[in-house]
Amino acid sequence: MTIDVRRAHADGLNDTALPRSRARLLDRRSFLAGSAAGIGAFGLGGCVTSDGTMLAEAAKVYGPMPDEKFPIPAVDIRKVDPKYYRRTVRYETKEAPGTIVVDPRNYYVYRIEGDGSATRYGANVGRDGFLWSGDAYVGRKSEWATWTPPKEMIRRQPEAAKYARGMPGGLDNPLGARTLHLYQNGAYTLYTIYASSDPESIGSGITSGCVGLLSQDMIHLYARTPVKTKVVVLPA
């Protein structure tokens, strides 16, 4: 199946603000980044969300990752709807185990585990006008990748020229801690599944077609996803 991009820019980009200190960061695909607040004083003991997910368990899943090259702070789980917490769910499909299925309509990404189950992650997806569907595959993987704004973005936003030679990886980098680059027929589609540091972006359409998971979820998925993994993006 060929990717069907609806009114998307040829480069898959949209006008965004550039990285700046102490401000919400927007990357070339309107990815939101920035430091997530800790959850230290949040009363978690014995507290259960309306859908039965233990907040204490979520706090462990989305806790800080101090051993990363650039230490990742804890997610403020108060800013994430509990239905988007990572969990194992029943998911019937003919796709092989390991396949990634993106459901933009419901803001979920699934990793098929086999035996009728899948690991489900909450996601942000393309905004109206930038949704696409079809089959792709992971052509390459990046950890703390360098981000380089394309010429099209620099023309729209001349201030982006200072990153023309690349923005090094780090917490402020729009691509985040891990990136899966999606390919089709040997060519890079310009779309990615990337790590987001903004919990408030999960469950919304903000990008120009890319898919963002919370950093902790993206690292979890990345470690289980080899190059050549099939990716299916469902119609929105």
Protein backbone atom coordinates (compact mmCIF):
# COMPACT_ATOMS: atom_id res chain seq x y z
CA MET A 1 0.00 0.00 0.00
CA THR A 2 1.29 3.44 -0.86
CA ILE A 3 1.25 6.14 1.76
CA ASP A 4 -1.62 8.58 1.20
CA VAL A 5 -0.65 12.00 2.50
CA ARG A 6 -3.50 14.48 2.68
CA ARG A 7 -2.42 18.00 1.82
CA ALA A 8 0.89 17.44 3.60
CA HIS A 9 3.90 19.54 2.66
CA ALA A 10 6.28 17.71 0.38
CA ASP A 11 8.84 17.69 3.17
CA GLY A 12 6.35 16.64 5.85
CA LEU A 13 7.01 19.83 7.81
CA ASN A 14 5.01 22.67 9.25
CA ASP A 15 5.80 26.10 10.58
CA THR A 16 6.96 25.89 14.16
CA ALA A 17 8.86 27.84 16.75
CA LEU A 18 12.53 27.13 17.20
CA PRO A 19 14.10 25.73 20.36
CA ARG A 20 14.59 28.32 23.08
CA SER A 21 15.41 28.14 26.77
CA ARG A 22 12.65 27.97 29.36
CA ALA A 23 9.93 27.76 26.74
CA ARG A 24 7.86 25.06 25.18
CA LEU A 25 9.81 23.72 22.28
CA LEU A 26 8.31 23.06 18.88
CA ASP A 27 10.25 21.17 16.27
CA ARG A 28 9.94 20.89 12.53
CA ARG A 29 6.81 18.74 12.84
CA SER A 30 5.30 20.73 15.68
CA PHE A 31 6.61 18.20 18.17
CA LEU A 32 6.33 19.56 21.65
CA ALA A 33 9.37 19.09 23.82
CA GLY A 34 10.68 20.39 27.12
CA SER A 35 11.32 19.26 30.65
CA ALA A 36 8.52 17.28 32.24
CA ALA A 37 7.78 18.05 35.85
CA GLY A 38 8.55 15.48 38.50
CA ILE A 39 5.87 13.79 40.54
CA GLY A 40 7.61 13.77 43.88
CA ALA A 41 4.92 15.17 46.18
CA PHE A 42 1.99 13.68 44.29
CA GLY A 43 0.02 11.39 46.61
CA LEU A 44 0.15 8.04 44.86
CA GLY A 45 -0.13 5.47 47.61
CA GLY A 46 -3.26 3.37 47.13
CA CYS A 47 -4.69 5.79 44.60
CA VAL A 48 -6.46 4.25 41.61
CA THR A 49 -7.56 6.00 38.42
CA SER A 50 -11.12 5.67 37.16
CA ASP A 51 -10.06 3.00 34.67
CA GLY A 52 -8.37 0.91 37.34
CA THR A 53 -4.76 1.82 36.59
CA MET A 54 -2.71 2.22 39.72
CA LEU A 55 -1.09 5.64 39.72
CA ALA A 56 1.76 4.25 41.76
CA GLU A 57 2.46 1.75 38.98
CA ALA A 58 2.31 4.50 36.37
CA ALA A 59 4.74 6.54 38.43
CA LYS A 60 7.25 3.70 38.21
CA VAL A 61 6.77 3.24 34.46
CA TYR A 62 7.17 6.95 33.79
CA GLY A 63 9.79 7.71 36.41
CA PRO A 64 13.14 9.43 35.78
CA MET A 65 15.83 7.76 33.67
CA PRO A 66 19.06 9.11 35.17
CA ASP A 67 21.33 6.68 33.33
CA GLU A 68 20.53 8.05 29.89
CA LYS A 69 23.18 10.06 28.02
CA PHE A 70 21.01 13.05 28.81
CA PRO A 71 19.10 12.16 32.01
CA ILE A 72 15.36 12.11 31.38
CA PRO A 73 13.05 13.55 34.05
CA ALA A 74 9.94 11.83 35.32
CA VAL A 75 6.70 12.41 33.46
CA ASP A 76 4.09 14.44 35.30
CA ILE A 77 1.45 11.73 34.99
CA ARG A 78 -1.22 14.17 36.16
CA LYS A 79 -0.98 15.66 32.67
CA VAL A 80 -1.65 12.34 30.90
CA ASP A 81 -5.10 10.79 30.60
CA PRO A 82 -4.77 7.35 32.26
CA LYS A 83 -6.19 5.68 29.15
CA TYR A 84 -2.89 6.53 27.43
CA TYR A 85 -0.68 4.80 29.98
CA ARG A 86 1.34 1.91 28.59
CA ARG A 87 -0.35 -1.44 29.05
CA THR A 88 -0.84 -4.89 27.56
CA VAL A 89 -4.23 -5.27 25.86
CA ARG A 90 -6.14 -7.78 23.77
CA TYR A 91 -5.60 -7.00 20.08
CA GLU A 92 -6.70 -9.37 17.35
CA THR A 93 -4.79 -8.93 14.09
CA LYS A 94 -3.29 -10.93 11.26
CA GLU A 95 -0.06 -8.91 11.52
CA ALA A 96 3.04 -10.77 12.69
CA PRO A 97 4.44 -10.33 16.21
CA GLY A 98 6.71 -7.30 16.36
CA THR A 99 4.68 -5.30 13.85
CA ILE A 100 3.90 -1.72 14.88
CA VAL A 101 0.33 -0.53 14.26
CA VAL A 102 -0.48 3.17 14.53
CA ASP A 103 -4.12 4.09 15.24
CA PRO A 104 -4.26 7.88 14.75
CA ARG A 105 -8.01 8.03 15.25
CA ASN A 106 -7.63 6.88 18.85
CA TYR A 107 -4.09 8.17 19.51
CA TYR A 108 -2.54 4.76 20.11
CA VAL A 109 0.49 2.85 18.92
CA TYR A 110 0.48 -0.94 19.27
CA ARG A 111 3.34 -3.41 19.22
CA ILE A 112 1.93 -6.79 18.32
CA GLU A 113 3.04 -9.43 20.83
CA GLY A 114 1.23 -12.45 19.41
CA ASP A 115 -1.42 -14.68 21.00
CA GLY A 116 -4.00 -11.95 20.52
CA SER A 117 -2.21 -9.34 22.64
CA ALA A 118 -0.28 -6.15 22.10
CA THR A 119 1.60 -3.52 24.05
CA ARG A 120 -0.33 -0.28 23.69
CA TYR A 121 1.14 3.21 24.02
CA GLY A 122 -0.57 6.60 24.03
CA ALA A 123 0.59 8.89 21.23
CA ASN A 124 0.35 12.24 19.55
CA VAL A 125 -0.29 12.16 15.80
CA GLY A 126 -0.68 14.33 12.72
CA ARG A 127 -3.02 17.27 12.91
CA ASP A 128 -5.86 17.84 10.44
CA GLY A 129 -4.51 18.07 6.91
CA PHE A 130 -1.38 16.06 7.71
CA LEU A 131 -2.83 12.64 8.38
CA TRP A 132 -1.67 9.70 6.30
CA SER A 133 -2.17 5.98 6.17
CA GLY A 134 -0.41 3.00 4.66
CA ASP A 135 2.40 0.51 5.19
CA ALA A 136 6.00 1.43 5.85
CA TYR A 137 8.96 -0.08 7.70
CA VAL A 138 11.69 1.02 10.07
CA GLY A 139 14.59 1.87 7.76
CA ARG A 140 16.92 3.09 10.48
CA LYS A 141 17.04 3.89 14.18
CA SER A 142 18.62 6.82 16.04
CA GLU A 143 19.51 7.52 19.65
CA TRP A 144 19.71 11.20 20.59
CA ALA A 145 19.79 12.05 16.90
CA THR A 146 21.04 15.31 15.42
CA TRP A 147 18.20 17.39 14.07
CA THR A 148 18.72 19.40 10.88
CA PRO A 149 15.95 21.73 9.67
CA PRO A 150 15.22 21.30 5.96
CA LYS A 151 15.58 24.12 3.49
CA GLU A 152 11.83 24.51 3.30
CA MET A 153 11.63 25.30 6.99
CA ILE A 154 14.53 27.72 6.82
CA ARG A 155 12.75 29.59 4.03
CA ARG A 156 9.65 29.87 6.19
CA GLN A 157 11.57 30.62 9.37
CA PRO A 158 14.96 32.25 8.66
CA GLU A 159 15.89 32.00 12.35
CA ALA A 160 16.19 28.24 11.82
CA ALA A 161 19.30 28.85 9.73
CA LYS A 162 21.46 28.66 12.85
CA TYR A 163 20.70 24.93 12.94
CA ALA A 164 21.42 24.40 9.23
CA ARG A 165 24.42 22.25 10.13
CA GLY A 166 22.49 20.31 12.70
CA MET A 167 21.31 20.59 16.30
CA PRO A 168 23.10 18.04 18.52
CA GLY A 169 21.09 15.50 20.44
CA GLY A 170 19.79 16.45 23.86
CA LEU A 171 16.68 17.12 25.90
CA ASP A 172 15.88 20.20 23.81
CA ASN A 173 16.33 18.39 20.50
CA PRO A 174 12.99 17.90 18.72
CA LEU A 175 13.71 14.24 17.89
CA GLY A 176 14.19 13.33 21.54
CA ALA A 177 15.91 10.30 23.01
CA ARG A 178 14.98 7.76 20.32
CA THR A 179 13.72 7.89 16.74
CA LEU A 180 12.40 5.28 14.36
CA HIS A 181 12.72 6.54 10.78
CA LEU A 182 10.02 5.23 8.45
CA TYR A 183 10.86 4.10 4.94
CA GLN A 184 8.93 2.85 1.93
CA ASN A 185 10.42 1.08 -1.07
CA GLY A 186 13.93 2.01 0.05
CA ALA A 187 13.18 5.73 0.39
CA TYR A 188 12.86 7.76 3.58
CA THR A 189 9.28 9.01 3.93
CA LEU A 190 10.34 11.93 6.20
CA TYR A 191 8.02 10.53 8.86
CA THR A 192 9.18 9.18 12.21
CA ILE A 193 8.04 7.72 15.48
CA TYR A 194 9.87 9.87 18.00
CA ALA A 195 10.24 10.58 21.72
CA SER A 196 8.20 13.43 23.16
CA SER A 197 8.92 15.18 26.45
CA ASP A 198 5.51 16.87 26.58
CA PRO A 199 2.88 14.79 28.40
CA GLU A 200 0.13 17.21 27.39
CA SER A 201 0.69 16.38 23.72
CA ILE A 202 -0.38 12.76 24.16
CA GLY A 203 -3.87 12.20 22.80
CA SER A 204 -3.76 15.13 20.39
CA GLY A 205 -3.02 15.90 16.76
CA ILE A 206 -0.10 18.32 16.63
CA THR A 207 2.40 17.10 14.04
CA SER A 208 2.75 17.06 10.28
CA GLY A 209 2.36 13.31 10.15
CA CYS A 210 4.91 11.99 12.62
CA VAL A 211 3.96 10.04 15.73
CA GLY A 212 5.23 10.85 19.21
CA LEU A 213 5.36 8.68 22.33
CA LEU A 214 6.42 9.72 25.81
CA SER A 215 10.19 9.29 26.11
CA GLN A 216 9.86 6.35 28.49
CA ASP A 217 7.44 4.62 26.12
CA MET A 218 9.56 5.36 23.08
CA ILE A 219 12.66 3.88 24.71
CA HIS A 220 10.60 0.79 25.61
CA LEU A 221 9.35 0.39 22.02
CA TYR A 222 12.71 1.23 20.45
CA ALA A 223 14.50 -1.54 22.34
CA ARG A 224 12.04 -4.08 20.96
CA THR A 225 12.02 -2.86 17.37
CA PRO A 226 14.71 -3.99 14.92
CA VAL A 227 15.37 -2.34 11.57
CA LYS A 228 13.01 -3.67 8.88
CA THR A 229 10.09 -3.90 11.31
CA LYS A 230 6.78 -3.41 9.50
CA VAL A 231 4.74 -0.34 10.45
CA VAL A 232 1.04 -0.10 9.59
CA VAL A 233 -0.66 3.30 9.88
CA LEU A 234 -4.43 2.95 9.96
CA PRO A 235 -6.79 5.52 8.42
CA ALA A 236 -7.76 8.27 10.83
